[in-house]
């Protein structure tokens, strides 16, 4: 099953809101190219991920 862009954003923001720094949030970035993986990492950071 593959998440589409807005689903990923929604899931990341929801998880960050719920855990509120109580535990580490680990995101998996598995893309078909390095360029897309870097783009996804930058988006995750913009959405509030920090590790």
PDB file of N, CA and C in Angstrom:
ATOM      1  N   UNK A   1       0.845  -1.180   0.000  1.00  0.00           N
ATOM      2  CA  UNK A   1       0.000   0.000   0.000  1.00  0.00           C
ATOM      3  C   UNK A   1       0.886   1.238   0.000  1.00  0.00           C
ATOM      4  N   UNK A   2       0.559   2.181  -0.818  1.00  0.00           N
ATOM      5  CA  UNK A   2       1.371   3.373  -0.944  1.00  0.00           C
ATOM      6  C   UNK A   2       0.553   4.594  -0.546  1.00  0.00           C
ATOM      7  N   UNK A   3       1.103   5.403   0.347  1.00  0.00           N
ATOM      8  CA  UNK A   3       0.442   6.650   0.745  1.00  0.00           C
ATOM      9  C   UNK A   3       0.696   7.702  -0.320  1.00  0.00           C
ATOM     10  N   UNK A   4      -0.295   8.500  -0.556  1.00  0.00           N
ATOM     11  CA  UNK A   4      -0.088   9.620  -1.452  1.00  0.00           C
ATOM     12  C   UNK A   4       0.330  10.836  -0.622  1.00  0.00           C
ATOM     13  N   UNK A   5       0.818  11.841  -1.303  1.00  0.00           N
ATOM     14  CA  UNK A   5       1.456  12.990  -0.659  1.00  0.00           C
ATOM     15  C   UNK A   5       0.652  13.555   0.514  1.00  0.00           C
ATOM     16  N   UNK A   6      -0.576  13.915   0.307  1.00  0.00           N
ATOM     17  CA  UNK A   6      -1.324  14.562   1.385  1.00  0.00           C
ATOM     18  C   UNK A   6      -1.603  13.604   2.538  1.00  0.00           C
ATOM     19  N   UNK A   7      -1.644  12.306   2.272  1.00  0.00           N
ATOM     20  CA  UNK A   7      -1.818  11.324   3.342  1.00  0.00           C
ATOM     21  C   UNK A   7      -0.570  11.267   4.221  1.00  0.00           C
ATOM     22  N   UNK A   8       0.603  11.320   3.600  1.00  0.00           N
ATOM     23  CA  UNK A   8       1.852  11.325   4.361  1.00  0.00           C
ATOM     24  C   UNK A   8       1.905  12.546   5.272  1.00  0.00           C
ATOM     25  N   UNK A   9       1.578  13.697   4.706  1.00  0.00           N
ATOM     26  CA  UNK A   9       1.604  14.929   5.502  1.00  0.00           C
ATOM     27  C   UNK A   9       0.651  14.831   6.683  1.00  0.00           C
ATOM     28  N   UNK A  10      -0.544  14.349   6.434  1.00  0.00           N
ATOM     29  CA  UNK A  10      -1.544  14.209   7.496  1.00  0.00           C
ATOM     30  C   UNK A  10      -1.068  13.257   8.594  1.00  0.00           C
ATOM     31  N   UNK A  11      -0.501  12.124   8.203  1.00  0.00           N
ATOM     32  CA  UNK A  11      -0.016  11.140   9.169  1.00  0.00           C
ATOM     33  C   UNK A  11       1.133  11.681  10.016  1.00  0.00           C
ATOM     34  N   UNK A  12       2.081  12.353   9.383  1.00  0.00           N
ATOM     35  CA  UNK A  12       3.220  12.899  10.121  1.00  0.00           C
ATOM     36  C   UNK A  12       2.752  13.951  11.115  1.00  0.00           C
ATOM     37  N   UNK A  13       1.930  14.875  10.681  1.00  0.00           N
ATOM     38  CA  UNK A  13       1.445  15.930  11.578  1.00  0.00           C
ATOM     39  C   UNK A  13       0.605  15.358  12.714  1.00  0.00           C
ATOM     40  N   UNK A  14      -0.209  14.360  12.426  1.00  0.00           N
ATOM     41  CA  UNK A  14      -1.035  13.729  13.450  1.00  0.00           C
ATOM     42  C   UNK A  14      -0.140  13.072  14.506  1.00  0.00           C
ATOM     43  N   UNK A  15       0.854  12.322  14.052  1.00  0.00           N
ATOM     44  CA  UNK A  15       1.754  11.623  14.983  1.00  0.00           C
ATOM     45  C   UNK A  15       2.529  12.611  15.847  1.00  0.00           C
ATOM     46  N   UNK A  16       3.043  13.666  15.246  1.00  0.00           N
ATOM     47  CA  UNK A  16       3.795  14.674  15.995  1.00  0.00           C
ATOM     48  C   UNK A  16       2.902  15.318  17.052  1.00  0.00           C
ATOM     49  N   UNK A  17       1.692  15.634  16.680  1.00  0.00           N
ATOM     50  CA  UNK A  17       0.751  16.248  17.623  1.00  0.00           C
ATOM     51  C   UNK A  17       0.446  15.310  18.794  1.00  0.00           C
ATOM     52  N   UNK A  18       0.262  14.043  18.517  1.00  0.00           N
ATOM     53  CA  UNK A  18      -0.130  13.088  19.554  1.00  0.00           C
ATOM     54  C   UNK A  18       1.003  12.746  20.516  1.00  0.00           C
ATOM     55  N   UNK A  19       2.225  12.587  20.015  1.00  0.00           N
ATOM     56  CA  UNK A  19       3.308  12.160  20.913  1.00  0.00           C
ATOM     57  C   UNK A  19       3.947  13.323  21.659  1.00  0.00           C
ATOM     58  N   UNK A  20       3.897  14.510  21.103  1.00  0.00           N
ATOM     59  CA  UNK A  20       4.410  15.727  21.751  1.00  0.00           C
ATOM     60  C   UNK A  20       5.745  15.528  22.464  1.00  0.00           C
ATOM     61  N   UNK A  21       6.729  15.017  21.763  1.00  0.00           N
ATOM     62  CA  UNK A  21       8.086  14.844  22.291  1.00  0.00           C
ATOM     63  C   UNK A  21       8.205  13.860  23.455  1.00  0.00           C
ATOM     64  N   UNK A  22       7.169  13.091  23.732  1.00  0.00           N
ATOM     65  CA  UNK A  22       7.258  12.099  24.815  1.00  0.00           C
ATOM     66  C   UNK A  22       8.107  10.907  24.407  1.00  0.00           C
ATOM     67  N   UNK A  23       8.052  10.553  23.143  1.00  0.00           N
ATOM     68  CA  UNK A  23       8.861   9.461  22.608  1.00  0.00           C
ATOM     69  C   UNK A  23       9.379   9.888  21.238  1.00  0.00           C
ATOM     70  N   UNK A  24      10.477   9.306  20.786  1.00  0.00           N
ATOM     71  CA  UNK A  24      10.977   9.654  19.453  1.00  0.00           C
ATOM     72  C   UNK A  24      10.018   9.168  18.358  1.00  0.00           C
ATOM     73  N   UNK A  25       9.864   9.960  17.343  1.00  0.00           N
ATOM     74  CA  UNK A  25       9.070   9.582  16.176  1.00  0.00           C
ATOM     75  C   UNK A  25      10.037   9.261  15.047  1.00  0.00           C
ATOM     76  N   UNK A  26      10.010   8.044  14.587  1.00  0.00           N
ATOM     77  CA  UNK A  26      10.902   7.615  13.511  1.00  0.00           C
ATOM     78  C   UNK A  26      10.094   7.502  12.223  1.00  0.00           C
ATOM     79  N   UNK A  27      10.524   8.224  11.214  1.00  0.00           N
ATOM     80  CA  UNK A  27       9.852   8.201   9.918  1.00  0.00           C
ATOM     81  C   UNK A  27      10.646   7.338   8.949  1.00  0.00           C
ATOM     82  N   UNK A  28       9.958   6.593   8.141  1.00  0.00           N
ATOM     83  CA  UNK A  28      10.596   5.796   7.108  1.00  0.00           C
ATOM     84  C   UNK A  28      10.473   6.541   5.782  1.00  0.00           C
ATOM     85  N   UNK A  29      11.588   6.739   5.132  1.00  0.00           N
ATOM     86  CA  UNK A  29      11.582   7.348   3.809  1.00  0.00           C
ATOM     87  C   UNK A  29      12.173   6.322   2.851  1.00  0.00           C
ATOM     88  N   UNK A  30      11.333   5.772   2.019  1.00  0.00           N
ATOM     89  CA  UNK A  30      11.755   4.753   1.052  1.00  0.00           C
ATOM     90  C   UNK A  30      11.229   5.148  -0.320  1.00  0.00           C
ATOM     91  N   UNK A  31      12.059   5.831  -1.059  1.00  0.00           N
ATOM     92  CA  UNK A  31      11.658   6.320  -2.371  1.00  0.00           C
ATOM     93  C   UNK A  31      12.505   5.661  -3.458  1.00  0.00           C
ATOM     94  N   UNK A  32      12.090   5.806  -4.670  1.00  0.00           N
ATOM     95  CA  UNK A  32      12.765   5.182  -5.800  1.00  0.00           C
ATOM     96  C   UNK A  32      14.024   5.883  -6.248  1.00  0.00           C
ATOM     97  N   UNK A  33      14.252   7.102  -5.757  1.00  0.00           N
ATOM     98  CA  UNK A  33      15.458   7.826  -6.149  1.00  0.00           C
ATOM     99  C   UNK A  33      15.966   8.646  -4.966  1.00  0.00           C
ATOM    100  N   UNK A  34      17.247   8.954  -5.013  1.00  0.00           N
ATOM    101  CA  UNK A  34      17.846   9.774  -3.961  1.00  0.00           C
ATOM    102  C   UNK A  34      17.204  11.153  -3.938  1.00  0.00           C
ATOM    103  N   UNK A  35      16.968  11.711  -5.103  1.00  0.00           N
ATOM    104  CA  UNK A  35      16.363  13.044  -5.193  1.00  0.00           C
ATOM    105  C   UNK A  35      15.005  13.073  -4.500  1.00  0.00           C
ATOM    106  N   UNK A  36      14.178  12.070  -4.737  1.00  0.00           N
ATOM    107  CA  UNK A  36      12.850  12.019  -4.116  1.00  0.00           C
ATOM    108  C   UNK A  36      12.952  11.776  -2.614  1.00  0.00           C
ATOM    109  N   UNK A  37      13.920  10.971  -2.188  1.00  0.00           N
ATOM    110  CA  UNK A  37      14.115  10.725  -0.756  1.00  0.00           C
ATOM    111  C   UNK A  37      14.514  12.020  -0.043  1.00  0.00           C
ATOM    112  N   UNK A  38      15.394  12.797  -0.661  1.00  0.00           N
ATOM    113  CA  UNK A  38      15.800  14.087  -0.080  1.00  0.00           C
ATOM    114  C   UNK A  38      14.612  15.034  -0.022  1.00  0.00           C
ATOM    115  N   UNK A  39      13.802  15.038  -1.058  1.00  0.00           N
ATOM    116  CA  UNK A  39      12.604  15.897  -1.070  1.00  0.00           C
ATOM    117  C   UNK A  39      11.645  15.499   0.046  1.00  0.00           C
ATOM    118  N   UNK A  40      11.447  14.204   0.229  1.00  0.00           N
ATOM    119  CA  UNK A  40      10.553  13.725   1.285  1.00  0.00           C
ATOM    120  C   UNK A  40      11.097  14.079   2.667  1.00  0.00           C
ATOM    121  N   UNK A  41      12.401  13.979   2.854  1.00  0.00           N
ATOM    122  CA  UNK A  41      13.020  14.340   4.136  1.00  0.00           C
ATOM    123  C   UNK A  41      12.831  15.828   4.421  1.00  0.00           C
ATOM    124  N   UNK A  42      12.999  16.661   3.413  1.00  0.00           N
ATOM    125  CA  UNK A  42      12.801  18.106   3.585  1.00  0.00           C
ATOM    126  C   UNK A  42      11.350  18.412   3.935  1.00  0.00           C
ATOM    127  N   UNK A  43      10.434  17.723   3.291  1.00  0.00           N
ATOM    128  CA  UNK A  43       9.012  17.928   3.604  1.00  0.00           C
ATOM    129  C   UNK A  43       8.705  17.496   5.027  1.00  0.00           C
ATOM    130  N   UNK A  44       9.242  16.356   5.442  1.00  0.00           N
ATOM    131  CA  UNK A  44       9.010  15.877   6.815  1.00  0.00           C
ATOM    132  C   UNK A  44       9.520  16.902   7.825  1.00  0.00           C
ATOM    133  N   UNK A  45      10.668  17.482   7.544  1.00  0.00           N
ATOM    134  CA  UNK A  45      11.208  18.513   8.431  1.00  0.00           C
ATOM    135  C   UNK A  45      10.283  19.733   8.466  1.00  0.00           C
ATOM    136  N   UNK A  46       9.782  20.124   7.326  1.00  0.00           N
ATOM    137  CA  UNK A  46       8.848  21.263   7.264  1.00  0.00           C
ATOM    138  C   UNK A  46       7.556  20.979   8.003  1.00  0.00           C
ATOM    139  N   UNK A  47       7.169  19.717   8.059  1.00  0.00           N
ATOM    140  CA  UNK A  47       5.941  19.332   8.759  1.00  0.00           C
ATOM    141  C   UNK A  47       6.145  19.217  10.266  1.00  0.00           C
ATOM    142  N   UNK A  48       7.410  19.289  10.724  1.00  0.00           N
ATOM    143  CA  UNK A  48       7.671  19.253  12.151  1.00  0.00           C
ATOM    144  C   UNK A  48       8.552  18.125  12.627  1.00  0.00           C
ATOM    145  N   UNK A  49       8.964  17.227  11.751  1.00  0.00           N
ATOM    146  CA  UNK A  49       9.879  16.159  12.155  1.00  0.00           C
ATOM    147  C   UNK A  49      11.258  16.773  12.373  1.00  0.00           C
ATOM    148  N   UNK A  50      12.019  16.257  13.325  1.00  0.00           N
ATOM    149  CA  UNK A  50      13.307  16.858  13.627  1.00  0.00           C
ATOM    150  C   UNK A  50      14.451  15.864  13.779  1.00  0.00           C
ATOM    151  N   UNK A  51      14.200  14.588  13.656  1.00  0.00           N
ATOM    152  CA  UNK A  51      15.293  13.631  13.835  1.00  0.00           C
ATOM    153  C   UNK A  51      15.383  12.706  12.636  1.00  0.00           C
TER     154      UNK A  51
END
